[in-house]
Each structure stands twice: as C-alpha cells, then as structure tokens.
Amino acid sequence: MAKRKAPTTPTPDEPLPPAETPAPVASPDTADQAGAVPILSLKGRKVWRDWFTDLAKQSRTSKAGLIDRLTAEHAERIGFRPPPER
C-alpha cells in the first residue's frame, strides 16, 4: 500500500486552491437595499433539496418563505418570542 503524501502548504505567493478558499462572511457591507444580510446556508443531498423544493411548492411559497414560516411556528410552539417584523 502506498503512503499518502502530506498536503503541501502554499507559499505566500501562491493563491489557495478553489476548494480551500474560505467562504465569504456576512457583514453589513453585504446587506442589500432593504438591509437584509445572509442568515442561513444549507448543504444536503440532492434528494433532500428536491424534497424541500417540492414541500415549498406544495405550500405555495418560496423555500425562504417556508423556512420563515416554519421557524416562526416553531418559536410560538415552544413559547419563544415572535420574530421581528420583516
């Protein structure tokens, strides 16, 4: 069995490979005109994404709208304060 090579560390002159480039971080500078900033990003398998898309369509809303509604309903169910006005 062959030994694995240790990953090399890029020199200061070399850019990081695309897979190692850090994701952008939400900041006030990334706010859109309404002042909205990124809040959530999900990764999952394609079958889960397709299921979630179908659930949103069945609910006659967008995926963001579905998350908004379901989190507000969950907060109310557990006695948590309601979400702020949109």
PDB file of N, CA and C in Angstrom:
ATOM      1  N   MET A   1       0.849  -1.172   0.000  1.00  0.00           N
ATOM      2  CA  MET A   1       0.000   0.000   0.000  1.00  0.00           C
ATOM      3  C   MET A   1       0.893   1.234   0.000  1.00  0.00           C
ATOM      4  N   ALA A   2       0.607   2.183  -0.875  1.00  0.00           N
ATOM      5  CA  ALA A   2       1.413   3.399  -0.994  1.00  0.00           C
ATOM      6  C   ALA A   2       1.077   4.364   0.126  1.00  0.00           C
ATOM      7  N   LYS A   3       2.083   5.101   0.565  1.00  0.00           N
ATOM      8  CA  LYS A   3       1.868   6.105   1.605  1.00  0.00           C
ATOM      9  C   LYS A   3       1.250   7.342   0.988  1.00  0.00           C
ATOM     10  N   ARG A   4       0.416   8.007   1.770  1.00  0.00           N
ATOM     11  CA  ARG A   4      -0.171   9.260   1.320  1.00  0.00           C
ATOM     12  C   ARG A   4       0.836  10.382   1.468  1.00  0.00           C
ATOM     13  N   LYS A   5       0.798  11.298   0.526  1.00  0.00           N
ATOM     14  CA  LYS A   5       1.648  12.471   0.623  1.00  0.00           C
ATOM     15  C   LYS A   5       0.978  13.470   1.555  1.00  0.00           C
ATOM     16  N   ALA A   6       1.782  14.097   2.367  1.00  0.00           N
ATOM     17  CA  ALA A   6       1.248  15.149   3.234  1.00  0.00           C
ATOM     18  C   ALA A   6       0.877  16.342   2.369  1.00  0.00           C
ATOM     19  N   PRO A   7      -0.259  17.010   2.687  1.00  0.00           N
ATOM     20  CA  PRO A   7      -0.613  18.180   1.891  1.00  0.00           C
ATOM     21  C   PRO A   7       0.447  19.260   2.025  1.00  0.00           C
ATOM     22  N   THR A   8       0.713  19.922   0.930  1.00  0.00           N
ATOM     23  CA  THR A   8       1.712  20.985   0.956  1.00  0.00           C
ATOM     24  C   THR A   8       1.049  22.290   1.347  1.00  0.00           C
ATOM     25  N   THR A   9       1.796  23.117   2.029  1.00  0.00           N
ATOM     26  CA  THR A   9       1.301  24.435   2.415  1.00  0.00           C
ATOM     27  C   THR A   9       1.695  25.422   1.338  1.00  0.00           C
ATOM     28  N   PRO A  10       0.704  26.190   0.808  1.00  0.00           N
ATOM     29  CA  PRO A  10       1.068  27.149  -0.235  1.00  0.00           C
ATOM     30  C   PRO A  10       1.992  28.227   0.316  1.00  0.00           C
ATOM     31  N   THR A  11       2.870  28.697  -0.537  1.00  0.00           N
ATOM     32  CA  THR A  11       3.738  29.800  -0.140  1.00  0.00           C
ATOM     33  C   THR A  11       2.914  31.082  -0.193  1.00  0.00           C
ATOM     34  N   PRO A  12       3.381  32.160   0.432  1.00  0.00           N
ATOM     35  CA  PRO A  12       2.617  33.410   0.418  1.00  0.00           C
ATOM     36  C   PRO A  12       2.313  33.915  -0.986  1.00  0.00           C
ATOM     37  N   ASP A  13       3.143  33.536  -1.989  1.00  0.00           N
ATOM     38  CA  ASP A  13       2.917  33.991  -3.357  1.00  0.00           C
ATOM     39  C   ASP A  13       1.830  33.196  -4.071  1.00  0.00           C
ATOM     40  N   GLU A  14       1.542  31.980  -3.592  1.00  0.00           N
ATOM     41  CA  GLU A  14       0.590  31.109  -4.267  1.00  0.00           C
ATOM     42  C   GLU A  14      -0.818  31.334  -3.732  1.00  0.00           C
ATOM     43  N   PRO A  15      -1.799  31.444  -4.630  1.00  0.00           N
ATOM     44  CA  PRO A  15      -3.181  31.542  -4.147  1.00  0.00           C
ATOM     45  C   PRO A  15      -3.644  30.173  -3.650  1.00  0.00           C
ATOM     46  N   LEU A  16      -4.613  30.170  -2.760  1.00  0.00           N
ATOM     47  CA  LEU A  16      -5.171  28.910  -2.299  1.00  0.00           C
ATOM     48  C   LEU A  16      -5.935  28.255  -3.436  1.00  0.00           C
ATOM     49  N   PRO A  17      -5.953  26.917  -3.477  1.00  0.00           N
ATOM     50  CA  PRO A  17      -6.773  26.253  -4.478  1.00  0.00           C
ATOM     51  C   PRO A  17      -8.250  26.568  -4.212  1.00  0.00           C
ATOM     52  N   PRO A  18      -9.123  26.532  -5.220  1.00  0.00           N
ATOM     53  CA  PRO A  18     -10.525  26.899  -5.047  1.00  0.00           C
ATOM     54  C   PRO A  18     -11.224  26.168  -3.892  1.00  0.00           C
ATOM     55  N   ALA A  19     -10.935  24.899  -3.674  1.00  0.00           N
ATOM     56  CA  ALA A  19     -11.604  24.147  -2.612  1.00  0.00           C
ATOM     57  C   ALA A  19     -11.226  24.653  -1.223  1.00  0.00           C
ATOM     58  N   GLU A  20     -10.100  25.327  -1.096  1.00  0.00           N
ATOM     59  CA  GLU A  20      -9.654  25.792   0.206  1.00  0.00           C
ATOM     60  C   GLU A  20      -9.899  27.279   0.418  1.00  0.00           C
ATOM     61  N   THR A  21     -10.449  27.957  -0.564  1.00  0.00           N
ATOM     62  CA  THR A  21     -10.727  29.375  -0.418  1.00  0.00           C
ATOM     63  C   THR A  21     -11.873  29.542   0.566  1.00  0.00           C
ATOM     64  N   PRO A  22     -11.706  30.349   1.608  1.00  0.00           N
ATOM     65  CA  PRO A  22     -12.771  30.485   2.593  1.00  0.00           C
ATOM     66  C   PRO A  22     -14.013  31.131   1.991  1.00  0.00           C
ATOM     67  N   ALA A  23     -15.165  30.723   2.497  1.00  0.00           N
ATOM     68  CA  ALA A  23     -16.434  31.294   2.042  1.00  0.00           C
ATOM     69  C   ALA A  23     -16.558  32.725   2.550  1.00  0.00           C
ATOM     70  N   PRO A  24     -17.256  33.574   1.803  1.00  0.00           N
ATOM     71  CA  PRO A  24     -17.439  34.944   2.276  1.00  0.00           C
ATOM     72  C   PRO A  24     -18.274  34.967   3.554  1.00  0.00           C
ATOM     73  N   VAL A  25     -17.971  35.901   4.398  1.00  0.00           N
ATOM     74  CA  VAL A  25     -18.674  36.040   5.669  1.00  0.00           C
ATOM     75  C   VAL A  25     -19.657  37.193   5.543  1.00  0.00           C
ATOM     76  N   ALA A  26     -20.871  36.989   6.063  1.00  0.00           N
ATOM     77  CA  ALA A  26     -21.868  38.056   6.011  1.00  0.00           C
ATOM     78  C   ALA A  26     -21.389  39.238   6.848  1.00  0.00           C
ATOM     79  N   SER A  27     -21.551  40.415   6.295  1.00  0.00           N
ATOM     80  CA  SER A  27     -21.177  41.620   7.014  1.00  0.00           C
ATOM     81  C   SER A  27     -22.151  42.718   6.629  1.00  0.00           C
ATOM     82  N   PRO A  28     -22.156  43.823   7.365  1.00  0.00           N
ATOM     83  CA  PRO A  28     -23.052  44.915   6.980  1.00  0.00           C
ATOM     84  C   PRO A  28     -22.827  45.367   5.542  1.00  0.00           C
ATOM     85  N   ASP A  29     -21.639  45.159   5.005  1.00  0.00           N
ATOM     86  CA  ASP A  29     -21.355  45.557   3.629  1.00  0.00           C
ATOM     87  C   ASP A  29     -22.097  44.687   2.617  1.00  0.00           C
ATOM     88  N   THR A  30     -22.512  43.473   3.018  1.00  0.00           N
ATOM     89  CA  THR A  30     -23.207  42.587   2.087  1.00  0.00           C
ATOM     90  C   THR A  30     -24.715  42.780   2.141  1.00  0.00           C
ATOM     91  N   ALA A  31     -25.198  43.727   2.920  1.00  0.00           N
ATOM     92  CA  ALA A  31     -26.635  43.971   3.018  1.00  0.00           C
ATOM     93  C   ALA A  31     -27.169  44.476   1.687  1.00  0.00           C
ATOM     94  N   ASP A  32     -28.378  44.030   1.351  1.00  0.00           N
ATOM     95  CA  ASP A  32     -28.994  44.564   0.140  1.00  0.00           C
ATOM     96  C   ASP A  32     -29.672  45.889   0.467  1.00  0.00           C
ATOM     97  N   GLN A  33     -30.412  46.441  -0.473  1.00  0.00           N
ATOM     98  CA  GLN A  33     -31.006  47.758  -0.265  1.00  0.00           C
ATOM     99  C   GLN A  33     -31.989  47.772   0.892  1.00  0.00           C
ATOM    100  N   ALA A  34     -32.615  46.647   1.197  1.00  0.00           N
ATOM    101  CA  ALA A  34     -33.564  46.589   2.308  1.00  0.00           C
ATOM    102  C   ALA A  34     -32.859  46.344   3.638  1.00  0.00           C
ATOM    103  N   GLY A  35     -31.534  46.200   3.613  1.00  0.00           N
ATOM    104  CA  GLY A  35     -30.793  45.958   4.839  1.00  0.00           C
ATOM    105  C   GLY A  35     -30.710  44.492   5.215  1.00  0.00           C
ATOM    106  N   ALA A  36     -31.114  43.593   4.308  1.00  0.00           N
ATOM    107  CA  ALA A  36     -31.084  42.158   4.598  1.00  0.00           C
ATOM    108  C   ALA A  36     -29.664  41.616   4.429  1.00  0.00           C
ATOM    109  N   VAL A  37     -29.258  40.757   5.339  1.00  0.00           N
ATOM    110  CA  VAL A  37     -27.952  40.110   5.262  1.00  0.00           C
ATOM    111  C   VAL A  37     -28.160  38.599   5.203  1.00  0.00           C
ATOM    112  N   PRO A  38     -27.234  37.852   4.632  1.00  0.00           N
ATOM    113  CA  PRO A  38     -27.358  36.395   4.606  1.00  0.00           C
ATOM    114  C   PRO A  38     -27.436  35.844   6.031  1.00  0.00           C
ATOM    115  N   ILE A  39     -28.338  34.893   6.243  1.00  0.00           N
ATOM    116  CA  ILE A  39     -28.538  34.323   7.572  1.00  0.00           C
ATOM    117  C   ILE A  39     -28.232  32.838   7.598  1.00  0.00           C
ATOM    118  N   LEU A  40     -28.617  32.116   6.565  1.00  0.00           N
ATOM    119  CA  LEU A  40     -28.575  30.665   6.610  1.00  0.00           C
ATOM    120  C   LEU A  40     -28.143  30.104   5.268  1.00  0.00           C
ATOM    121  N   SER A  41     -27.327  29.093   5.314  1.00  0.00           N
ATOM    122  CA  SER A  41     -26.952  28.353   4.116  1.00  0.00           C
ATOM    123  C   SER A  41     -26.966  26.884   4.488  1.00  0.00           C
ATOM    124  N   LEU A  42     -27.643  26.077   3.688  1.00  0.00           N
ATOM    125  CA  LEU A  42     -27.758  24.649   3.978  1.00  0.00           C
ATOM    126  C   LEU A  42     -27.075  23.836   2.899  1.00  0.00           C
ATOM    127  N   LYS A  43     -26.461  22.753   3.302  1.00  0.00           N
ATOM    128  CA  LYS A  43     -25.922  21.796   2.347  1.00  0.00           C
ATOM    129  C   LYS A  43     -26.595  20.470   2.629  1.00  0.00           C
ATOM    130  N   GLY A  44     -26.915  19.775   1.592  1.00  0.00           N
ATOM    131  CA  GLY A  44     -27.545  18.476   1.750  1.00  0.00           C
ATOM    132  C   GLY A  44     -27.487  17.711   0.445  1.00  0.00           C
ATOM    133  N   ARG A  45     -28.016  16.526   0.490  1.00  0.00           N
ATOM    134  CA  ARG A  45     -28.040  15.703  -0.711  1.00  0.00           C
ATOM    135  C   ARG A  45     -29.108  16.214  -1.666  1.00  0.00           C
ATOM    136  N   LYS A  46     -28.951  15.888  -2.937  1.00  0.00           N
ATOM    137  CA  LYS A  46     -29.888  16.338  -3.960  1.00  0.00           C
ATOM    138  C   LYS A  46     -31.305  15.864  -3.652  1.00  0.00           C
ATOM    139  N   VAL A  47     -31.467  14.656  -3.156  1.00  0.00           N
ATOM    140  CA  VAL A  47     -32.815  14.151  -2.869  1.00  0.00           C
ATOM    141  C   VAL A  47     -33.490  14.991  -1.789  1.00  0.00           C
ATOM    142  N   TRP A  48     -32.714  15.466  -0.807  1.00  0.00           N
ATOM    143  CA  TRP A  48     -33.305  16.316   0.237  1.00  0.00           C
ATOM    144  C   TRP A  48     -33.680  17.667  -0.351  1.00  0.00           C
ATOM    145  N   ARG A  49     -32.792  18.228  -1.187  1.00  0.00           N
ATOM    146  CA  ARG A  49     -33.101  19.505  -1.830  1.00  0.00           C
ATOM    147  C   ARG A  49     -34.368  19.396  -2.662  1.00  0.00           C
ATOM    148  N   ASP A  50     -34.513  18.310  -3.428  1.00  0.00           N
ATOM    149  CA  ASP A  50     -35.701  18.116  -4.257  1.00  0.00           C
ATOM    150  C   ASP A  50     -36.949  17.982  -3.392  1.00  0.00           C
ATOM    151  N   TRP A  51     -36.832  17.252  -2.283  1.00  0.00           N
ATOM    152  CA  TRP A  51     -37.955  17.094  -1.358  1.00  0.00           C
ATOM    153  C   TRP A  51     -38.360  18.450  -0.782  1.00  0.00           C
ATOM    154  N   PHE A  52     -37.376  19.244  -0.365  1.00  0.00           N
ATOM    155  CA  PHE A  52     -37.655  20.552   0.237  1.00  0.00           C
ATOM    156  C   PHE A  52     -38.286  21.501  -0.784  1.00  0.00           C
ATOM    157  N   THR A  53     -37.804  21.454  -2.021  1.00  0.00           N
ATOM    158  CA  THR A  53     -38.381  22.273  -3.094  1.00  0.00           C
ATOM    159  C   THR A  53     -39.835  21.884  -3.333  1.00  0.00           C
ATOM    160  N   ASP A  54     -40.116  20.580  -3.364  1.00  0.00           N
ATOM    161  CA  ASP A  54     -41.495  20.112  -3.540  1.00  0.00           C
ATOM    162  C   ASP A  54     -42.376  20.540  -2.375  1.00  0.00           C
ATOM    163  N   LEU A  55     -41.849  20.493  -1.153  1.00  0.00           N
ATOM    164  CA  LEU A  55     -42.609  20.932   0.023  1.00  0.00           C
ATOM    165  C   LEU A  55     -42.962  22.414  -0.087  1.00  0.00           C
ATOM    166  N   ALA A  56     -42.022  23.229  -0.518  1.00  0.00           N
ATOM    167  CA  ALA A  56     -42.282  24.664  -0.682  1.00  0.00           C
ATOM    168  C   ALA A  56     -43.344  24.894  -1.751  1.00  0.00           C
ATOM    169  N   LYS A  57     -43.238  24.168  -2.883  1.00  0.00           N
ATOM    170  CA  LYS A  57     -44.241  24.311  -3.941  1.00  0.00           C
ATOM    171  C   LYS A  57     -45.624  23.893  -3.442  1.00  0.00           C
ATOM    172  N   GLN A  58     -45.682  22.778  -2.731  1.00  0.00           N
ATOM    173  CA  GLN A  58     -46.960  22.292  -2.185  1.00  0.00           C
ATOM    174  C   GLN A  58     -47.546  23.313  -1.216  1.00  0.00           C
ATOM    175  N   SER A  59     -46.682  24.025  -0.505  1.00  0.00           N
ATOM    176  CA  SER A  59     -47.109  25.041   0.468  1.00  0.00           C
ATOM    177  C   SER A  59     -47.361  26.391  -0.201  1.00  0.00           C
ATOM    178  N   ARG A  60     -47.156  26.455  -1.523  1.00  0.00           N
ATOM    179  CA  ARG A  60     -47.377  27.675  -2.314  1.00  0.00           C
ATOM    180  C   ARG A  60     -46.559  28.849  -1.778  1.00  0.00           C
ATOM    181  N   THR A  61     -45.273  28.580  -1.530  1.00  0.00           N
ATOM    182  CA  THR A  61     -44.367  29.611  -1.043  1.00  0.00           C
ATOM    183  C   THR A  61     -42.961  29.320  -1.561  1.00  0.00           C
ATOM    184  N   SER A  62     -42.057  30.233  -1.313  1.00  0.00           N
ATOM    185  CA  SER A  62     -40.647  30.008  -1.675  1.00  0.00           C
ATOM    186  C   SER A  62     -39.979  29.186  -0.577  1.00  0.00           C
ATOM    187  N   LYS A  63     -38.769  28.713  -0.854  1.00  0.00           N
ATOM    188  CA  LYS A  63     -38.025  27.977   0.177  1.00  0.00           C
ATOM    189  C   LYS A  63     -37.708  28.895   1.350  1.00  0.00           C
ATOM    190  N   ALA A  64     -37.343  30.150   1.067  1.00  0.00           N
ATOM    191  CA  ALA A  64     -37.070  31.104   2.152  1.00  0.00           C
ATOM    192  C   ALA A  64     -38.351  31.377   2.945  1.00  0.00           C
ATOM    193  N   GLY A  65     -39.468  31.513   2.237  1.00  0.00           N
ATOM    194  CA  GLY A  65     -40.746  31.748   2.909  1.00  0.00           C
ATOM    195  C   GLY A  65     -41.146  30.579   3.789  1.00  0.00           C
ATOM    196  N   LEU A  66     -40.865  29.369   3.323  1.00  0.00           N
ATOM    197  CA  LEU A  66     -41.180  28.177   4.107  1.00  0.00           C
ATOM    198  C   LEU A  66     -40.345  28.139   5.386  1.00  0.00           C
ATOM    199  N   ILE A  67     -39.059  28.421   5.274  1.00  0.00           N
ATOM    200  CA  ILE A  67     -38.199  28.452   6.462  1.00  0.00           C
ATOM    201  C   ILE A  67     -38.677  29.531   7.419  1.00  0.00           C
ATOM    202  N   ASP A  68     -39.023  30.702   6.887  1.00  0.00           N
ATOM    203  CA  ASP A  68     -39.512  31.796   7.719  1.00  0.00           C
ATOM    204  C   ASP A  68     -40.767  31.381   8.491  1.00  0.00           C
ATOM    205  N   ARG A  69     -41.729  30.819   7.764  1.00  0.00           N
ATOM    206  CA  ARG A  69     -42.991  30.425   8.401  1.00  0.00           C
ATOM    207  C   ARG A  69     -42.789  29.314   9.429  1.00  0.00           C
ATOM    208  N   LEU A  70     -42.017  28.304   9.062  1.00  0.00           N
ATOM    209  CA  LEU A  70     -41.842  27.165   9.968  1.00  0.00           C
ATOM    210  C   LEU A  70     -41.054  27.541  11.224  1.00  0.00           C
ATOM    211  N   THR A  71     -40.062  28.418  11.092  1.00  0.00           N
ATOM    212  CA  THR A  71     -39.328  28.818  12.297  1.00  0.00           C
ATOM    213  C   THR A  71     -40.205  29.676  13.202  1.00  0.00           C
ATOM    214  N   ALA A  72     -41.047  30.537  12.611  1.00  0.00           N
ATOM    215  CA  ALA A  72     -41.968  31.344  13.424  1.00  0.00           C
ATOM    216  C   ALA A  72     -42.969  30.445  14.145  1.00  0.00           C
ATOM    217  N   GLU A  73     -43.503  29.433  13.437  1.00  0.00           N
ATOM    218  CA  GLU A  73     -44.442  28.496  14.060  1.00  0.00           C
ATOM    219  C   GLU A  73     -43.766  27.704  15.173  1.00  0.00           C
ATOM    220  N   HIS A  74     -42.537  27.277  14.942  1.00  0.00           N
ATOM    221  CA  HIS A  74     -41.814  26.525  15.971  1.00  0.00           C
ATOM    222  C   HIS A  74     -41.552  27.395  17.193  1.00  0.00           C
ATOM    223  N   ALA A  75     -41.148  28.639  16.966  1.00  0.00           N
ATOM    224  CA  ALA A  75     -40.892  29.554  18.092  1.00  0.00           C
ATOM    225  C   ALA A  75     -42.159  29.720  18.932  1.00  0.00           C
ATOM    226  N   GLU A  76     -43.297  29.895  18.273  1.00  0.00           N
ATOM    227  CA  GLU A  76     -44.558  30.048  19.006  1.00  0.00           C
ATOM    228  C   GLU A  76     -44.894  28.774  19.776  1.00  0.00           C
ATOM    229  N   ARG A  77     -44.687  27.614  19.148  1.00  0.00           N
ATOM    230  CA  ARG A  77     -44.999  26.326  19.775  1.00  0.00           C
ATOM    231  C   ARG A  77     -44.184  26.099  21.049  1.00  0.00           C
ATOM    232  N   ILE A  78     -42.946  26.564  21.070  1.00  0.00           N
ATOM    233  CA  ILE A  78     -42.103  26.331  22.257  1.00  0.00           C
ATOM    234  C   ILE A  78     -42.104  27.513  23.221  1.00  0.00           C
ATOM    235  N   GLY A  79     -42.938  28.522  22.939  1.00  0.00           N
ATOM    236  CA  GLY A  79     -43.046  29.660  23.841  1.00  0.00           C
ATOM    237  C   GLY A  79     -41.934  30.682  23.700  1.00  0.00           C
ATOM    238  N   PHE A  80     -41.290  30.704  22.555  1.00  0.00           N
ATOM    239  CA  PHE A  80     -40.215  31.668  22.302  1.00  0.00           C
ATOM    240  C   PHE A  80     -40.835  32.942  21.745  1.00  0.00           C
ATOM    241  N   ARG A  81     -40.158  34.058  21.897  1.00  0.00           N
ATOM    242  CA  ARG A  81     -40.703  35.333  21.416  1.00  0.00           C
ATOM    243  C   ARG A  81     -40.928  35.280  19.897  1.00  0.00           C
ATOM    244  N   PRO A  82     -41.902  36.036  19.401  1.00  0.00           N
ATOM    245  CA  PRO A  82     -42.155  36.033  17.953  1.00  0.00           C
ATOM    246  C   PRO A  82     -41.011  36.708  17.200  1.00  0.00           C
ATOM    247  N   PRO A  83     -40.888  36.388  15.908  1.00  0.00           N
ATOM    248  CA  PRO A  83     -39.817  37.014  15.122  1.00  0.00           C
ATOM    249  C   PRO A  83     -40.094  38.514  14.951  1.00  0.00           C
ATOM    250  N   PRO A  84     -39.041  39.282  14.674  1.00  0.00           N
ATOM    251  CA  PRO A  84     -39.236  40.709  14.439  1.00  0.00           C
ATOM    252  C   PRO A  84     -40.009  40.938  13.146  1.00  0.00           C
ATOM    253  N   GLU A  85     -40.542  42.140  12.986  1.00  0.00           N
ATOM    254  CA  GLU A  85     -41.245  42.493  11.742  1.00  0.00           C
ATOM    255  C   GLU A  85     -40.281  42.388  10.583  1.00  0.00           C
ATOM    256  N   ARG A  86     -40.781  41.981   9.459  1.00  0.00           N
ATOM    257  CA  ARG A  86     -39.938  41.870   8.246  1.00  0.00           C
ATOM    258  C   ARG A  86     -39.903  43.172   7.525  1.00  0.00           C
TER     259      ARG A  86
END
